[in-house]
Amino acid sequence: MAEEKSAENVVFVGIKPVMNYVLAVITQFNEGAGEVILKARGKAISRAVDAAEIVRKRFLQGVSVSNITIGTEEVQGERGATNVSTIEIALKR
């Protein structure tokens, strides 16, 4: 998944460095968003957690985790259907 911002303040976490996603979240909050959601799946889940923690502890002290949602998506690949874990971390100011 690539980084993307939408009307609902969602940042999709992928293979870029963690600080890219931290900057995306900080930008959303600075533009007036009350809540920003980090979405990731598969190996990018740890990167999303890292980004959320860096935002909370180093950059924006008033931000807290309001909700965490985990799940599984079925993805079609070369070898058929595969289950991939997903996470959504909602950060609220």
N, C-alpha and C. Protein backbone atom coordinates (compact mmCIF):
# COMPACT_ATOMS: atom_id res chain seq x y z
N MET A 1 0.84 -1.18 0.00
CA MET A 1 0.00 0.00 0.00
C MET A 1 0.88 1.24 0.00
N ALA A 2 0.47 2.26 -0.69
CA ALA A 2 1.22 3.50 -0.75
C ALA A 2 0.58 4.53 0.16
N GLU A 3 1.35 5.54 0.50
CA GLU A 3 0.85 6.62 1.34
C GLU A 3 -0.22 7.38 0.59
N GLU A 4 -1.32 7.66 1.26
CA GLU A 4 -2.41 8.38 0.61
C GLU A 4 -3.19 9.14 1.67
N LYS A 5 -3.67 10.33 1.31
CA LYS A 5 -4.50 11.12 2.20
C LYS A 5 -5.86 11.29 1.54
N SER A 6 -6.92 11.19 2.30
CA SER A 6 -8.25 11.35 1.73
C SER A 6 -9.06 12.29 2.61
N ALA A 7 -10.30 12.48 2.24
CA ALA A 7 -11.18 13.39 2.98
C ALA A 7 -11.39 12.91 4.41
N GLU A 8 -11.25 11.62 4.63
CA GLU A 8 -11.45 11.12 5.99
C GLU A 8 -10.15 11.00 6.77
N ASN A 9 -9.08 11.67 6.32
CA ASN A 9 -7.81 11.73 7.05
C ASN A 9 -7.21 10.35 7.31
N VAL A 10 -7.00 9.60 6.26
CA VAL A 10 -6.42 8.27 6.35
C VAL A 10 -5.03 8.28 5.73
N VAL A 11 -4.08 7.67 6.43
CA VAL A 11 -2.71 7.51 5.92
C VAL A 11 -2.48 6.01 5.75
N PHE A 12 -2.23 5.58 4.52
CA PHE A 12 -1.95 4.18 4.24
C PHE A 12 -0.46 3.94 4.38
N VAL A 13 -0.08 2.99 5.21
CA VAL A 13 1.32 2.71 5.49
C VAL A 13 1.79 1.58 4.59
N GLY A 14 2.95 1.77 3.98
CA GLY A 14 3.51 0.77 3.07
C GLY A 14 4.98 0.55 3.35
N ILE A 15 5.80 0.65 2.28
CA ILE A 15 7.22 0.29 2.41
C ILE A 15 8.15 1.49 2.57
N LYS A 16 7.63 2.68 2.60
CA LYS A 16 8.47 3.87 2.79
C LYS A 16 9.01 3.92 4.22
N PRO A 17 10.02 4.76 4.45
CA PRO A 17 10.53 4.90 5.83
C PRO A 17 9.47 5.43 6.79
N VAL A 18 9.60 5.07 8.05
CA VAL A 18 8.60 5.42 9.07
C VAL A 18 8.38 6.93 9.15
N MET A 19 9.45 7.71 9.04
CA MET A 19 9.32 9.16 9.19
C MET A 19 8.44 9.79 8.11
N ASN A 20 8.32 9.17 6.95
CA ASN A 20 7.39 9.67 5.92
C ASN A 20 5.95 9.64 6.43
N TYR A 21 5.59 8.58 7.13
CA TYR A 21 4.24 8.43 7.65
C TYR A 21 4.02 9.33 8.87
N VAL A 22 5.07 9.49 9.68
CA VAL A 22 4.99 10.42 10.81
C VAL A 22 4.70 11.83 10.29
N LEU A 23 5.43 12.25 9.26
CA LEU A 23 5.22 13.57 8.67
C LEU A 23 3.81 13.71 8.09
N ALA A 24 3.31 12.65 7.45
CA ALA A 24 1.95 12.68 6.90
C ALA A 24 0.91 12.88 8.00
N VAL A 25 1.08 12.20 9.12
CA VAL A 25 0.14 12.33 10.24
C VAL A 25 0.22 13.73 10.84
N ILE A 26 1.44 14.22 11.06
CA ILE A 26 1.61 15.56 11.63
C ILE A 26 1.00 16.61 10.71
N THR A 27 1.18 16.45 9.41
CA THR A 27 0.60 17.38 8.44
C THR A 27 -0.91 17.39 8.53
N GLN A 28 -1.51 16.21 8.64
CA GLN A 28 -2.98 16.12 8.76
C GLN A 28 -3.46 16.88 10.01
N PHE A 29 -2.78 16.68 11.15
CA PHE A 29 -3.19 17.36 12.37
C PHE A 29 -2.99 18.87 12.25
N ASN A 30 -1.90 19.29 11.61
CA ASN A 30 -1.63 20.72 11.45
C ASN A 30 -2.62 21.39 10.51
N GLU A 31 -3.23 20.63 9.61
CA GLU A 31 -4.25 21.17 8.71
C GLU A 31 -5.63 21.19 9.36
N GLY A 32 -5.71 20.82 10.62
CA GLY A 32 -6.97 20.94 11.35
C GLY A 32 -7.73 19.65 11.59
N ALA A 33 -7.18 18.52 11.21
CA ALA A 33 -7.87 17.25 11.43
C ALA A 33 -7.94 16.94 12.93
N GLY A 34 -9.08 16.47 13.37
CA GLY A 34 -9.23 16.08 14.77
C GLY A 34 -8.83 14.64 15.00
N GLU A 35 -8.89 13.85 13.92
CA GLU A 35 -8.55 12.42 14.01
C GLU A 35 -7.86 12.00 12.71
N VAL A 36 -6.82 11.20 12.84
CA VAL A 36 -6.11 10.65 11.69
C VAL A 36 -6.02 9.14 11.89
N ILE A 37 -6.28 8.38 10.81
CA ILE A 37 -6.25 6.92 10.89
C ILE A 37 -5.06 6.40 10.08
N LEU A 38 -4.24 5.59 10.73
CA LEU A 38 -3.14 4.89 10.06
C LEU A 38 -3.64 3.51 9.69
N LYS A 39 -3.56 3.14 8.41
CA LYS A 39 -3.98 1.82 7.97
C LYS A 39 -2.78 1.08 7.40
N ALA A 40 -2.66 -0.20 7.75
CA ALA A 40 -1.56 -1.01 7.23
C ALA A 40 -1.99 -2.46 7.18
N ARG A 41 -1.27 -3.23 6.38
CA ARG A 41 -1.52 -4.67 6.35
C ARG A 41 -0.20 -5.40 6.15
N GLY A 42 -0.19 -6.66 6.58
CA GLY A 42 0.99 -7.50 6.42
C GLY A 42 2.20 -6.98 7.17
N LYS A 43 3.34 -6.97 6.49
CA LYS A 43 4.61 -6.57 7.11
C LYS A 43 4.66 -5.09 7.48
N ALA A 44 3.77 -4.28 6.95
CA ALA A 44 3.76 -2.85 7.25
C ALA A 44 3.09 -2.52 8.58
N ILE A 45 2.51 -3.51 9.24
CA ILE A 45 1.82 -3.26 10.51
C ILE A 45 2.78 -2.70 11.55
N SER A 46 3.97 -3.26 11.65
CA SER A 46 4.93 -2.76 12.65
C SER A 46 5.35 -1.33 12.33
N ARG A 47 5.43 -0.98 11.06
CA ARG A 47 5.78 0.38 10.66
C ARG A 47 4.67 1.36 11.07
N ALA A 48 3.42 0.94 10.96
CA ALA A 48 2.29 1.78 11.38
C ALA A 48 2.30 2.01 12.89
N VAL A 49 2.58 0.97 13.64
CA VAL A 49 2.66 1.09 15.10
C VAL A 49 3.80 2.03 15.48
N ASP A 50 4.95 1.87 14.83
CA ASP A 50 6.09 2.75 15.09
C ASP A 50 5.73 4.20 14.80
N ALA A 51 5.08 4.45 13.67
CA ALA A 51 4.70 5.82 13.30
C ALA A 51 3.75 6.43 14.34
N ALA A 52 2.78 5.65 14.78
CA ALA A 52 1.83 6.14 15.78
C ALA A 52 2.54 6.49 17.09
N GLU A 53 3.46 5.65 17.52
CA GLU A 53 4.19 5.88 18.77
C GLU A 53 5.12 7.08 18.66
N ILE A 54 5.77 7.26 17.52
CA ILE A 54 6.67 8.40 17.33
C ILE A 54 5.87 9.69 17.35
N VAL A 55 4.71 9.70 16.70
CA VAL A 55 3.87 10.90 16.71
C VAL A 55 3.44 11.23 18.13
N ARG A 56 2.98 10.22 18.85
CA ARG A 56 2.47 10.43 20.21
C ARG A 56 3.54 10.88 21.19
N LYS A 57 4.70 10.25 21.14
CA LYS A 57 5.70 10.46 22.19
C LYS A 57 6.74 11.52 21.87
N ARG A 58 6.99 11.80 20.59
CA ARG A 58 8.06 12.73 20.26
C ARG A 58 7.59 14.05 19.66
N PHE A 59 6.50 14.04 18.91
CA PHE A 59 6.12 15.24 18.16
C PHE A 59 4.88 15.94 18.69
N LEU A 60 3.79 15.24 18.88
CA LEU A 60 2.53 15.85 19.30
C LEU A 60 2.10 15.24 20.63
N GLN A 61 2.34 15.96 21.70
CA GLN A 61 2.09 15.42 23.04
C GLN A 61 0.61 15.23 23.35
N GLY A 62 -0.27 16.01 22.72
CA GLY A 62 -1.70 15.91 23.03
C GLY A 62 -2.44 14.84 22.25
N VAL A 63 -1.74 14.04 21.46
CA VAL A 63 -2.38 13.02 20.62
C VAL A 63 -2.44 11.70 21.38
N SER A 64 -3.57 11.01 21.27
CA SER A 64 -3.72 9.70 21.91
C SER A 64 -4.35 8.72 20.93
N VAL A 65 -4.20 7.45 21.23
CA VAL A 65 -4.80 6.40 20.42
C VAL A 65 -6.24 6.25 20.88
N SER A 66 -7.19 6.52 19.97
CA SER A 66 -8.59 6.42 20.36
C SER A 66 -9.20 5.06 20.03
N ASN A 67 -8.63 4.37 19.01
CA ASN A 67 -9.19 3.07 18.63
C ASN A 67 -8.17 2.29 17.82
N ILE A 68 -8.13 0.99 18.03
CA ILE A 68 -7.30 0.10 17.22
C ILE A 68 -8.20 -1.02 16.72
N THR A 69 -8.21 -1.22 15.40
CA THR A 69 -9.02 -2.27 14.80
C THR A 69 -8.10 -3.22 14.05
N ILE A 70 -8.24 -4.51 14.33
CA ILE A 70 -7.45 -5.51 13.61
C ILE A 70 -8.39 -6.40 12.81
N GLY A 71 -7.85 -6.99 11.76
CA GLY A 71 -8.68 -7.85 10.93
C GLY A 71 -7.85 -8.66 9.96
N THR A 72 -8.53 -9.32 9.05
CA THR A 72 -7.88 -10.15 8.04
C THR A 72 -8.56 -9.90 6.70
N GLU A 73 -7.74 -9.75 5.65
CA GLU A 73 -8.25 -9.62 4.29
C GLU A 73 -7.78 -10.81 3.48
N GLU A 74 -8.63 -11.24 2.57
CA GLU A 74 -8.24 -12.32 1.66
C GLU A 74 -7.72 -11.68 0.38
N VAL A 75 -6.47 -11.98 0.02
CA VAL A 75 -5.82 -11.39 -1.14
C VAL A 75 -5.52 -12.48 -2.16
N GLN A 76 -5.83 -12.21 -3.42
CA GLN A 76 -5.54 -13.16 -4.48
C GLN A 76 -4.10 -12.97 -4.95
N GLY A 77 -3.33 -14.03 -4.98
CA GLY A 77 -1.95 -13.99 -5.43
C GLY A 77 -1.69 -15.03 -6.49
N GLU A 78 -0.41 -15.25 -6.79
CA GLU A 78 -0.04 -16.24 -7.80
C GLU A 78 -0.44 -17.65 -7.40
N ARG A 79 -0.41 -17.90 -6.12
CA ARG A 79 -0.72 -19.25 -5.61
C ARG A 79 -2.13 -19.37 -5.06
N GLY A 80 -3.01 -18.47 -5.43
CA GLY A 80 -4.39 -18.52 -4.96
C GLY A 80 -4.63 -17.50 -3.86
N ALA A 81 -5.66 -17.74 -3.08
CA ALA A 81 -6.06 -16.81 -2.02
C ALA A 81 -5.16 -16.96 -0.80
N THR A 82 -4.81 -15.81 -0.22
CA THR A 82 -3.98 -15.78 0.99
C THR A 82 -4.61 -14.80 1.97
N ASN A 83 -4.55 -15.12 3.24
CA ASN A 83 -5.04 -14.21 4.27
C ASN A 83 -3.92 -13.27 4.71
N VAL A 84 -4.25 -11.98 4.79
CA VAL A 84 -3.28 -10.96 5.20
C VAL A 84 -3.88 -10.19 6.37
N SER A 85 -3.10 -10.02 7.44
CA SER A 85 -3.55 -9.28 8.61
C SER A 85 -3.60 -7.78 8.30
N THR A 86 -4.55 -7.09 8.94
CA THR A 86 -4.69 -5.64 8.76
C THR A 86 -4.82 -4.96 10.12
N ILE A 87 -4.47 -3.67 10.15
CA ILE A 87 -4.64 -2.89 11.38
C ILE A 87 -5.03 -1.47 11.00
N GLU A 88 -5.86 -0.86 11.82
CA GLU A 88 -6.22 0.54 11.70
C GLU A 88 -6.01 1.17 13.07
N ILE A 89 -5.18 2.20 13.13
CA ILE A 89 -4.88 2.89 14.38
C ILE A 89 -5.44 4.30 14.25
N ALA A 90 -6.41 4.63 15.09
CA ALA A 90 -7.02 5.95 15.07
C ALA A 90 -6.34 6.82 16.12
N LEU A 91 -5.74 7.92 15.67
CA LEU A 91 -5.09 8.89 16.55
C LEU A 91 -5.99 10.10 16.68
N LYS A 92 -6.21 10.56 17.90
CA LYS A 92 -7.12 11.67 18.15
C LYS A 92 -6.40 12.76 18.93
N ARG A 93 -6.67 13.98 18.56
CA ARG A 93 -6.06 15.12 19.25
C ARG A 93 -6.93 15.56 20.39
